[in-house]
C-alpha atoms as a PDB file:
ATOM      1  CA  MET A   1     260.325  67.426   8.671  1.00  0.00           C
ATOM      2  CA  ASN A   2     262.421  65.698  11.318  1.00  0.00           C
ATOM      3  CA  LYS A   3     264.675  68.767  11.717  1.00  0.00           C
ATOM      4  CA  LEU A   4     261.675  71.063  12.097  1.00  0.00           C
ATOM      5  CA  THR A   5     260.232  68.781  14.789  1.00  0.00           C
ATOM      6  CA  LYS A   6     263.474  68.883  16.802  1.00  0.00           C
ATOM      7  CA  ILE A   7     263.641  72.670  16.609  1.00  0.00           C
ATOM      8  CA  SER A   8     260.010  73.115  17.591  1.00  0.00           C
ATOM      9  CA  LEU A   9     260.291  70.665  20.510  1.00  0.00           C
ATOM     10  CA  THR A  10     263.402  72.478  21.736  1.00  0.00           C
ATOM     11  CA  ALA A  11     261.615  75.843  21.519  1.00  0.00           C
ATOM     12  CA  ILE A  12     258.571  74.464  23.338  1.00  0.00           C
ATOM     13  CA  MET A  13     260.829  73.061  26.075  1.00  0.00           C
ATOM     14  CA  PHE A  14     262.539  76.433  26.621  1.00  0.00           C
ATOM     15  CA  LEU A  15     259.236  78.296  26.597  1.00  0.00           C
ATOM     16  CA  ALA A  16     257.696  75.812  29.049  1.00  0.00           C
ATOM     17  CA  THR A  17     260.469  76.490  31.546  1.00  0.00           C
ATOM     18  CA  ALA A  18     260.198  80.286  31.120  1.00  0.00           C
ATOM     19  CA  ILE A  19     256.404  80.621  31.450  1.00  0.00           C
ATOM     20  CA  PRO A  20     256.260  80.120  35.260  1.00  0.00           C
ATOM     21  CA  ALA A  21     258.687  83.035  35.683  1.00  0.00           C
ATOM     22  CA  PHE A  22     256.250  85.347  33.900  1.00  0.00           C
ATOM     23  CA  ALA A  23     253.294  83.985  35.844  1.00  0.00           C
ATOM     24  CA  ALA A  24     254.718  85.010  39.225  1.00  0.00           C
ATOM     25  CA  THR A  25     252.802  87.963  40.616  1.00  0.00           C
ATOM     26  CA  PRO A  26     254.517  90.735  42.544  1.00  0.00           C
ATOM     27  CA  ARG A  27     253.690  91.358  46.167  1.00  0.00           C
ATOM     28  CA  SER A  28     250.642  93.476  46.750  1.00  0.00           C
ATOM     29  CA  ASP A  29     252.217  95.386  49.648  1.00  0.00           C
ATOM     30  CA  ASP A  30     255.315  97.047  48.280  1.00  0.00           C
ATOM     31  CA  SER A  31     256.842  98.267  51.528  1.00  0.00           C
ATOM     32  CA  MET A  32     260.476  98.148  50.441  1.00  0.00           C
ATOM     33  CA  THR A  33     260.498 101.928  50.004  1.00  0.00           C
ATOM     34  CA  LEU A  34     259.606 102.392  53.650  1.00  0.00           C
ATOM     35  CA  VAL A  35     262.197  99.832  54.710  1.00  0.00           C
ATOM     36  CA  TYR A  36     264.916 101.638  52.744  1.00  0.00           C
ATOM     37  CA  LEU A  37     263.796 104.973  54.159  1.00  0.00           C
ATOM     38  CA  PHE A  38     263.954 103.595  57.710  1.00  0.00           C
ATOM     39  CA  LEU A  39     267.413 102.113  57.136  1.00  0.00           C
ATOM     40  CA  GLY A  40     268.578 105.417  55.653  1.00  0.00           C
ATOM     41  CA  VAL A  41     267.411 107.356  58.713  1.00  0.00           C
ATOM     42  CA  CYS A  42     269.133 104.846  61.005  1.00  0.00           C
ATOM     43  CA  SER A  43     272.402 105.131  59.081  1.00  0.00           C
ATOM     44  CA  LEU A  44     272.140 108.923  59.157  1.00  0.00           C
ATOM     45  CA  ILE A  45     271.772 108.885  62.946  1.00  0.00           C
ATOM     46  CA  ILE A  46     274.794 106.599  63.322  1.00  0.00           C
ATOM     47  CA  PHE A  47     276.856 108.771  60.957  1.00  0.00           C
ATOM     48  CA  LEU A  48     275.945 111.953  62.831  1.00  0.00           C
ATOM     49  CA  GLN A  49     277.010 110.347  66.108  1.00  0.00           C
ATOM     50  CA  LEU A  50     280.397 109.435  64.607  1.00  0.00           C
ATOM     51  CA  ILE A  51     281.269 112.993  63.534  1.00  0.00           C
ATOM     52  CA  PRO A  52     282.430 114.092  67.048  1.00  0.00           C
ATOM     53  CA  VAL A  53     284.552 110.937  67.282  1.00  0.00           C
ATOM     54  CA  PHE A  54     286.378 111.829  64.066  1.00  0.00           C
ATOM     55  CA  VAL A  55     286.859 115.437  65.182  1.00  0.00           C
ATOM     56  CA  LEU A  56     288.295 114.295  68.531  1.00  0.00           C
ATOM     57  CA  ALA A  57     290.597 111.761  66.860  1.00  0.00           C
ATOM     58  CA  TYR A  58     291.807 114.453  64.459  1.00  0.00           C
ATOM     59  CA  GLY A  59     292.597 116.703  67.431  1.00  0.00           C
ATOM     60  CA  PHE A  60     294.539 113.924  69.148  1.00  0.00           C
ATOM     61  CA  VAL A  61     296.591 113.157  66.052  1.00  0.00           C
ATOM     62  CA  LYS A  62     297.223 116.832  65.410  1.00  0.00           C
ATOM     63  CA  GLY A  63     298.298 117.315  69.033  1.00  0.00           C
ATOM     64  CA  ILE A  64     300.667 114.360  69.007  1.00  0.00           C
ATOM     65  CA  PHE A  65     302.280 114.850  65.598  1.00  0.00           C
ATOM     66  CA  GLY A  66     301.789 118.595  65.162  1.00  0.00           C
ATOM     67  CA  ASN A  67     304.338 121.348  65.678  1.00  0.00           C
ATOM     68  CA  LYS A  68     305.498 121.757  69.230  1.00  0.00           C
ATOM     69  CA  GLU A  69     304.717 125.151  70.668  1.00  0.00           C
ATOM     70  CA  GLU A  70     307.391 127.185  72.362  1.00  0.00           C
ATOM     71  CA  GLU A  71     307.131 128.051  76.019  1.00  0.00           C
ATOM     72  CA  ALA A  72     304.859 130.993  76.774  1.00  0.00           C
ATOM     73  CA  LYS A  73     306.608 134.219  77.646  1.00  0.00           C
ATOM     74  CA  PRO A  74     305.490 135.979  80.806  1.00  0.00           C
ATOM     75  CA  VAL A  75     303.452 139.137  80.277  1.00  0.00           C
ATOM     76  CA  THR A  76     302.931 141.842  82.863  1.00  0.00           C
ATOM     77  CA  VAL A  77     299.316 142.686  83.657  1.00  0.00           C
ATOM     78  CA  ARG A  78     298.574 146.405  83.786  1.00  0.00           C
ATOM     79  CA  ASN A  79     295.083 146.390  85.296  1.00  0.00           C
ATOM     80  CA  ARG A  80     293.892 144.152  88.068  1.00  0.00           C
END
């Protein structure tokens, strides 16, 4: 009987600490979806503003490290 009492008291102690977690009620205004939507739109705007920066940086790197062009040859113009 003593062993059964120890086991039951241990189980009651664990259940007593877990019951308040189940008693917590969720918030009635679940606005996290709107918050995530707003943050997604903000990040999309920032990303779209960074696209021209990446294109310009790519052009700079390509111009610096790319193949050097030869000098242009003069061409005669037939019609003026």
